[in-house]
Amino acid sequence: MSDADDLLFKALADPGRRKLMDRLHAHDGQTLGELCEHLDMTRQGVTQHLALLEAANLIAVEWRGREKLHFLNPVPLQEIYDRWIAKFERRRLKALSDLKHRLEDSDAPKPPRRRPS
C-alpha cells in the first residue's frame, strides 16, 4: 500500500472527518463557517480535519474572492471501491446469479414425455 493510500484510510478513519464529508456530500461548496455551524467541533478542529482531508485528496478547495469553498472529491472513494470492494463483490454476485439460473432451470416446466408407439 502506498503512502497516499495510508493517508486516505487515515482520513476516513476519523468520524469527525467522515461527518465533514457527509456535510459536503449533502451541500457541496461550503465555507469553513458554514461547515462549523452544524458540527460539534471547534473552528480550529474543523480546520485541521479539512487540511487532512485535502492532503488525502478527498476534498478540493476553491477561492472565490475572500471565500474559501470546500468541495467533496469522490474520485479516491471510487478508487477504494474499485480496488478493495468491487473485486470481492463480483464473486458474490456471480454466485447469486448462478444460483438464480439453477433455481429457474429446476422450476422450468419439463416437456411431456412421449410414449413409445
N, C-alpha and C. Protein backbone atom coordinates (compact mmCIF):
# COMPACT_ATOMS: atom_id res chain seq x y z
N MET A 1 0.85 -1.17 0.00
CA MET A 1 0.00 0.00 0.00
C MET A 1 0.90 1.24 0.00
N SER A 2 0.52 2.24 -0.73
CA SER A 2 1.33 3.45 -0.86
C SER A 2 1.05 4.43 0.27
N ASP A 3 1.89 5.45 0.37
CA ASP A 3 1.68 6.49 1.37
C ASP A 3 0.36 7.21 1.14
N ALA A 4 -0.01 7.39 -0.13
CA ALA A 4 -1.28 8.05 -0.46
C ALA A 4 -2.46 7.22 0.05
N ASP A 5 -2.37 5.89 -0.10
CA ASP A 5 -3.43 5.01 0.42
C ASP A 5 -3.51 5.09 1.93
N ASP A 6 -2.34 5.10 2.59
CA ASP A 6 -2.32 5.20 4.05
C ASP A 6 -2.98 6.49 4.51
N LEU A 7 -2.67 7.59 3.84
CA LEU A 7 -3.25 8.88 4.20
C LEU A 7 -4.76 8.89 3.96
N LEU A 8 -5.18 8.26 2.89
CA LEU A 8 -6.60 8.18 2.57
C LEU A 8 -7.35 7.41 3.65
N PHE A 9 -6.83 6.25 4.05
CA PHE A 9 -7.50 5.47 5.08
C PHE A 9 -7.43 6.16 6.44
N LYS A 10 -6.35 6.87 6.71
CA LYS A 10 -6.24 7.64 7.95
C LYS A 10 -7.32 8.73 7.98
N ALA A 11 -7.51 9.40 6.85
CA ALA A 11 -8.52 10.45 6.77
C ALA A 11 -9.92 9.88 6.99
N LEU A 12 -10.18 8.72 6.44
CA LEU A 12 -11.50 8.11 6.57
C LEU A 12 -11.74 7.48 7.94
N ALA A 13 -10.67 7.25 8.69
CA ALA A 13 -10.79 6.56 9.98
C ALA A 13 -11.46 7.41 11.05
N ASP A 14 -11.45 8.71 10.90
CA ASP A 14 -11.98 9.59 11.95
C ASP A 14 -13.45 9.93 11.70
N PRO A 15 -14.32 9.72 12.69
CA PRO A 15 -15.75 10.01 12.49
C PRO A 15 -16.03 11.49 12.21
N GLY A 16 -15.24 12.38 12.78
CA GLY A 16 -15.44 13.80 12.52
C GLY A 16 -15.17 14.16 11.07
N ARG A 17 -14.14 13.57 10.50
CA ARG A 17 -13.83 13.82 9.08
C ARG A 17 -14.90 13.21 8.18
N ARG A 18 -15.38 12.03 8.56
CA ARG A 18 -16.46 11.42 7.76
C ARG A 18 -17.71 12.30 7.82
N LYS A 19 -17.96 12.89 8.97
CA LYS A 19 -19.12 13.78 9.11
C LYS A 19 -18.96 15.01 8.21
N LEU A 20 -17.74 15.57 8.17
CA LEU A 20 -17.48 16.69 7.26
C LEU A 20 -17.75 16.29 5.81
N MET A 21 -17.30 15.10 5.44
CA MET A 21 -17.53 14.63 4.07
C MET A 21 -19.02 14.45 3.81
N ASP A 22 -19.76 13.95 4.79
CA ASP A 22 -21.21 13.82 4.64
C ASP A 22 -21.86 15.19 4.43
N ARG A 23 -21.40 16.18 5.18
CA ARG A 23 -21.94 17.54 5.03
C ARG A 23 -21.65 18.09 3.63
N LEU A 24 -20.44 17.83 3.14
CA LEU A 24 -20.11 18.30 1.79
C LEU A 24 -20.89 17.52 0.73
N HIS A 25 -21.15 16.26 0.99
CA HIS A 25 -21.95 15.48 0.04
C HIS A 25 -23.36 16.05 -0.03
N ALA A 26 -23.90 16.43 1.13
CA ALA A 26 -25.26 16.98 1.16
C ALA A 26 -25.33 18.36 0.52
N HIS A 27 -24.27 19.14 0.70
CA HIS A 27 -24.25 20.50 0.14
C HIS A 27 -22.80 20.86 -0.16
N ASP A 28 -22.41 20.68 -1.39
CA ASP A 28 -21.02 20.92 -1.80
C ASP A 28 -20.73 22.41 -1.88
N GLY A 29 -19.47 22.77 -1.70
CA GLY A 29 -19.06 24.16 -1.87
C GLY A 29 -19.31 25.03 -0.66
N GLN A 30 -19.09 24.49 0.53
CA GLN A 30 -19.34 25.26 1.75
C GLN A 30 -18.06 25.93 2.26
N THR A 31 -18.25 27.04 2.96
CA THR A 31 -17.14 27.73 3.60
C THR A 31 -16.88 27.07 4.95
N LEU A 32 -15.77 27.44 5.56
CA LEU A 32 -15.44 26.93 6.89
C LEU A 32 -16.54 27.28 7.88
N GLY A 33 -17.02 28.50 7.83
CA GLY A 33 -18.09 28.93 8.74
C GLY A 33 -19.35 28.10 8.58
N GLU A 34 -19.73 27.83 7.34
CA GLU A 34 -20.93 27.02 7.08
C GLU A 34 -20.74 25.60 7.61
N LEU A 35 -19.56 25.05 7.43
CA LEU A 35 -19.30 23.69 7.92
C LEU A 35 -19.32 23.65 9.44
N CYS A 36 -18.81 24.68 10.09
CA CYS A 36 -18.74 24.72 11.55
C CYS A 36 -20.12 24.84 12.19
N GLU A 37 -21.08 25.45 11.49
CA GLU A 37 -22.41 25.69 12.04
C GLU A 37 -23.09 24.43 12.56
N HIS A 38 -22.92 23.32 11.89
CA HIS A 38 -23.68 22.12 12.21
C HIS A 38 -22.82 21.02 12.83
N LEU A 39 -21.63 21.37 13.27
CA LEU A 39 -20.74 20.36 13.83
C LEU A 39 -20.39 20.71 15.27
N ASP A 40 -20.24 19.69 16.08
CA ASP A 40 -19.86 19.88 17.47
C ASP A 40 -18.34 19.83 17.58
N MET A 41 -17.68 20.78 16.89
CA MET A 41 -16.22 20.87 16.88
C MET A 41 -15.83 22.34 16.93
N THR A 42 -14.64 22.58 17.40
CA THR A 42 -14.13 23.95 17.35
C THR A 42 -13.77 24.29 15.92
N ARG A 43 -13.70 25.56 15.65
CA ARG A 43 -13.31 26.03 14.31
C ARG A 43 -11.91 25.51 13.98
N GLN A 44 -11.02 25.54 14.96
CA GLN A 44 -9.65 25.05 14.76
C GLN A 44 -9.65 23.55 14.45
N GLY A 45 -10.50 22.80 15.15
CA GLY A 45 -10.60 21.36 14.89
C GLY A 45 -11.09 21.07 13.49
N VAL A 46 -12.11 21.81 13.05
CA VAL A 46 -12.64 21.64 11.69
C VAL A 46 -11.55 21.97 10.67
N THR A 47 -10.80 23.05 10.93
CA THR A 47 -9.72 23.45 10.02
C THR A 47 -8.68 22.35 9.89
N GLN A 48 -8.32 21.74 11.01
CA GLN A 48 -7.32 20.65 10.98
C GLN A 48 -7.86 19.44 10.23
N HIS A 49 -9.12 19.10 10.46
CA HIS A 49 -9.72 17.97 9.74
C HIS A 49 -9.77 18.25 8.24
N LEU A 50 -10.15 19.46 7.87
CA LEU A 50 -10.21 19.82 6.45
C LEU A 50 -8.83 19.75 5.81
N ALA A 51 -7.80 20.15 6.54
CA ALA A 51 -6.44 20.09 6.00
C ALA A 51 -6.04 18.65 5.71
N LEU A 52 -6.38 17.73 6.60
CA LEU A 52 -6.04 16.33 6.36
C LEU A 52 -6.85 15.75 5.20
N LEU A 53 -8.13 16.12 5.12
CA LEU A 53 -8.96 15.66 4.00
C LEU A 53 -8.42 16.19 2.67
N GLU A 54 -7.95 17.42 2.69
CA GLU A 54 -7.37 17.99 1.47
C GLU A 54 -6.06 17.29 1.11
N ALA A 55 -5.23 17.00 2.11
CA ALA A 55 -3.97 16.29 1.86
C ALA A 55 -4.22 14.90 1.29
N ALA A 56 -5.33 14.27 1.71
CA ALA A 56 -5.69 12.95 1.21
C ALA A 56 -6.44 13.02 -0.12
N ASN A 57 -6.63 14.23 -0.65
CA ASN A 57 -7.31 14.47 -1.92
C ASN A 57 -8.80 14.11 -1.86
N LEU A 58 -9.37 14.10 -0.66
CA LEU A 58 -10.79 13.81 -0.52
C LEU A 58 -11.65 15.07 -0.66
N ILE A 59 -11.03 16.22 -0.50
CA ILE A 59 -11.73 17.47 -0.77
C ILE A 59 -10.83 18.36 -1.60
N ALA A 60 -11.45 19.26 -2.32
CA ALA A 60 -10.74 20.27 -3.10
C ALA A 60 -11.24 21.63 -2.62
N VAL A 61 -10.40 22.62 -2.71
CA VAL A 61 -10.80 23.97 -2.30
C VAL A 61 -10.71 24.91 -3.49
N GLU A 62 -11.55 25.91 -3.44
CA GLU A 62 -11.57 26.93 -4.49
C GLU A 62 -11.81 28.27 -3.82
N TRP A 63 -10.98 29.22 -4.17
CA TRP A 63 -11.15 30.57 -3.64
C TRP A 63 -12.07 31.35 -4.56
N ARG A 64 -13.09 31.97 -3.99
CA ARG A 64 -13.98 32.88 -4.72
C ARG A 64 -13.96 34.20 -3.96
N GLY A 65 -13.15 35.09 -4.45
CA GLY A 65 -12.95 36.35 -3.72
C GLY A 65 -12.26 36.05 -2.41
N ARG A 66 -12.89 36.41 -1.31
CA ARG A 66 -12.31 36.17 0.01
C ARG A 66 -12.80 34.85 0.62
N GLU A 67 -13.70 34.18 -0.06
CA GLU A 67 -14.26 32.93 0.48
C GLU A 67 -13.50 31.71 -0.04
N LYS A 68 -13.23 30.81 0.88
CA LYS A 68 -12.60 29.53 0.52
C LYS A 68 -13.69 28.47 0.58
N LEU A 69 -14.03 27.91 -0.56
CA LEU A 69 -15.10 26.92 -0.65
C LEU A 69 -14.50 25.52 -0.68
N HIS A 70 -15.17 24.60 -0.01
CA HIS A 70 -14.70 23.21 0.09
C HIS A 70 -15.65 22.31 -0.70
N PHE A 71 -15.07 21.45 -1.52
CA PHE A 71 -15.84 20.55 -2.37
C PHE A 71 -15.38 19.11 -2.15
N LEU A 72 -16.32 18.20 -2.10
CA LEU A 72 -16.01 16.78 -1.97
C LEU A 72 -15.42 16.28 -3.28
N ASN A 73 -14.36 15.49 -3.19
CA ASN A 73 -13.76 14.84 -4.36
C ASN A 73 -14.03 13.34 -4.24
N PRO A 74 -14.98 12.80 -4.97
CA PRO A 74 -15.34 11.39 -4.82
C PRO A 74 -14.40 10.41 -5.51
N VAL A 75 -13.45 10.90 -6.29
CA VAL A 75 -12.58 10.00 -7.07
C VAL A 75 -11.81 9.02 -6.18
N PRO A 76 -11.14 9.47 -5.10
CA PRO A 76 -10.43 8.50 -4.26
C PRO A 76 -11.36 7.45 -3.64
N LEU A 77 -12.59 7.84 -3.34
CA LEU A 77 -13.55 6.86 -2.80
C LEU A 77 -13.90 5.81 -3.84
N GLN A 78 -14.06 6.23 -5.09
CA GLN A 78 -14.34 5.28 -6.17
C GLN A 78 -13.16 4.35 -6.37
N GLU A 79 -11.95 4.88 -6.24
CA GLU A 79 -10.76 4.05 -6.38
C GLU A 79 -10.68 3.01 -5.27
N ILE A 80 -11.05 3.38 -4.05
CA ILE A 80 -11.10 2.42 -2.94
C ILE A 80 -12.12 1.34 -3.27
N TYR A 81 -13.29 1.77 -3.74
CA TYR A 81 -14.33 0.81 -4.10
C TYR A 81 -13.83 -0.15 -5.17
N ASP A 82 -13.24 0.37 -6.22
CA ASP A 82 -12.77 -0.47 -7.32
C ASP A 82 -11.70 -1.45 -6.85
N ARG A 83 -10.79 -0.98 -6.00
CA ARG A 83 -9.66 -1.83 -5.60
C ARG A 83 -10.00 -2.78 -4.47
N TRP A 84 -10.76 -2.33 -3.49
CA TRP A 84 -10.92 -3.11 -2.27
C TRP A 84 -12.30 -3.73 -2.10
N ILE A 85 -13.30 -3.27 -2.81
CA ILE A 85 -14.65 -3.78 -2.58
C ILE A 85 -15.18 -4.52 -3.80
N ALA A 86 -15.08 -3.91 -4.96
CA ALA A 86 -15.68 -4.48 -6.17
C ALA A 86 -15.18 -5.88 -6.49
N LYS A 87 -13.89 -6.13 -6.27
CA LYS A 87 -13.36 -7.45 -6.63
C LYS A 87 -13.95 -8.55 -5.77
N PHE A 88 -14.31 -8.23 -4.53
CA PHE A 88 -14.95 -9.23 -3.67
C PHE A 88 -16.43 -9.33 -3.98
N GLU A 89 -17.02 -8.23 -4.38
CA GLU A 89 -18.43 -8.20 -4.70
C GLU A 89 -18.73 -8.99 -5.96
N ARG A 90 -17.85 -8.92 -6.95
CA ARG A 90 -18.07 -9.62 -8.22
C ARG A 90 -18.28 -11.11 -8.01
N ARG A 91 -17.44 -11.72 -7.17
CA ARG A 91 -17.54 -13.16 -6.93
C ARG A 91 -18.89 -13.51 -6.28
N ARG A 92 -19.29 -12.69 -5.32
CA ARG A 92 -20.56 -12.94 -4.62
C ARG A 92 -21.74 -12.76 -5.58
N LEU A 93 -21.70 -11.73 -6.41
CA LEU A 93 -22.78 -11.50 -7.36
C LEU A 93 -22.86 -12.61 -8.40
N LYS A 94 -21.72 -13.11 -8.83
CA LYS A 94 -21.71 -14.22 -9.79
C LYS A 94 -22.32 -15.45 -9.15
N ALA A 95 -22.00 -15.72 -7.89
CA ALA A 95 -22.57 -16.88 -7.20
C ALA A 95 -24.08 -16.74 -7.09
N LEU A 96 -24.57 -15.54 -6.79
CA LEU A 96 -26.02 -15.33 -6.71
C LEU A 96 -26.68 -15.49 -8.07
N SER A 97 -26.03 -15.00 -9.11
CA SER A 97 -26.56 -15.13 -10.46
C SER A 97 -26.62 -16.60 -10.87
N ASP A 98 -25.55 -17.35 -10.58
CA ASP A 98 -25.53 -18.78 -10.90
C ASP A 98 -26.64 -19.52 -10.16
N LEU A 99 -26.82 -19.18 -8.88
CA LEU A 99 -27.87 -19.82 -8.08
C LEU A 99 -29.25 -19.51 -8.68
N LYS A 100 -29.47 -18.26 -9.07
CA LYS A 100 -30.74 -17.87 -9.67
C LYS A 100 -31.02 -18.70 -10.92
N HIS A 101 -30.01 -18.83 -11.79
CA HIS A 101 -30.20 -19.60 -13.02
C HIS A 101 -30.47 -21.07 -12.72
N ARG A 102 -29.77 -21.64 -11.75
CA ARG A 102 -30.02 -23.05 -11.40
C ARG A 102 -31.43 -23.24 -10.87
N LEU A 103 -31.89 -22.31 -10.03
CA LEU A 103 -33.24 -22.41 -9.48
C LEU A 103 -34.29 -22.24 -10.57
N GLU A 104 -34.06 -21.29 -11.46
CA GLU A 104 -35.00 -21.08 -12.56
C GLU A 104 -35.05 -22.30 -13.47
N ASP A 105 -33.90 -22.90 -13.73
CA ASP A 105 -33.86 -24.09 -14.58
C ASP A 105 -34.58 -25.26 -13.91
N SER A 106 -34.47 -25.38 -12.60
CA SER A 106 -35.12 -26.51 -11.92
C SER A 106 -36.63 -26.30 -11.82
N ASP A 107 -37.10 -25.04 -11.86
CA ASP A 107 -38.53 -24.74 -11.79
C ASP A 107 -39.19 -24.73 -13.16
N ALA A 108 -38.42 -24.78 -14.20
CA ALA A 108 -38.99 -24.72 -15.55
C ALA A 108 -39.83 -25.96 -15.80
N PRO A 109 -40.97 -25.77 -16.45
CA PRO A 109 -41.80 -26.95 -16.74
C PRO A 109 -41.05 -27.91 -17.66
N LYS A 110 -41.15 -29.14 -17.32
CA LYS A 110 -40.47 -30.17 -18.10
C LYS A 110 -41.37 -30.54 -19.29
N PRO A 111 -40.78 -30.78 -20.45
CA PRO A 111 -41.61 -31.19 -21.60
C PRO A 111 -42.24 -32.55 -21.31
N PRO A 112 -43.45 -32.75 -21.79
CA PRO A 112 -44.11 -34.05 -21.53
C PRO A 112 -43.32 -35.18 -22.18
N ARG A 113 -43.33 -36.29 -21.47
CA ARG A 113 -42.63 -37.46 -22.00
C ARG A 113 -43.47 -38.09 -23.10
N ARG A 114 -42.81 -38.56 -24.12
CA ARG A 114 -43.51 -39.23 -25.21
C ARG A 114 -43.61 -40.71 -24.87
N ARG A 115 -44.75 -41.21 -25.18
CA ARG A 115 -44.93 -42.65 -25.01
C ARG A 115 -44.39 -43.36 -26.23
N PRO A 116 -43.74 -44.47 -26.00
CA PRO A 116 -43.27 -45.21 -27.17
C PRO A 116 -44.46 -45.72 -27.98
N SER A 117 -44.39 -45.64 -29.29
CA SER A 117 -45.52 -46.07 -30.12
C SER A 117 -45.37 -47.47 -30.59
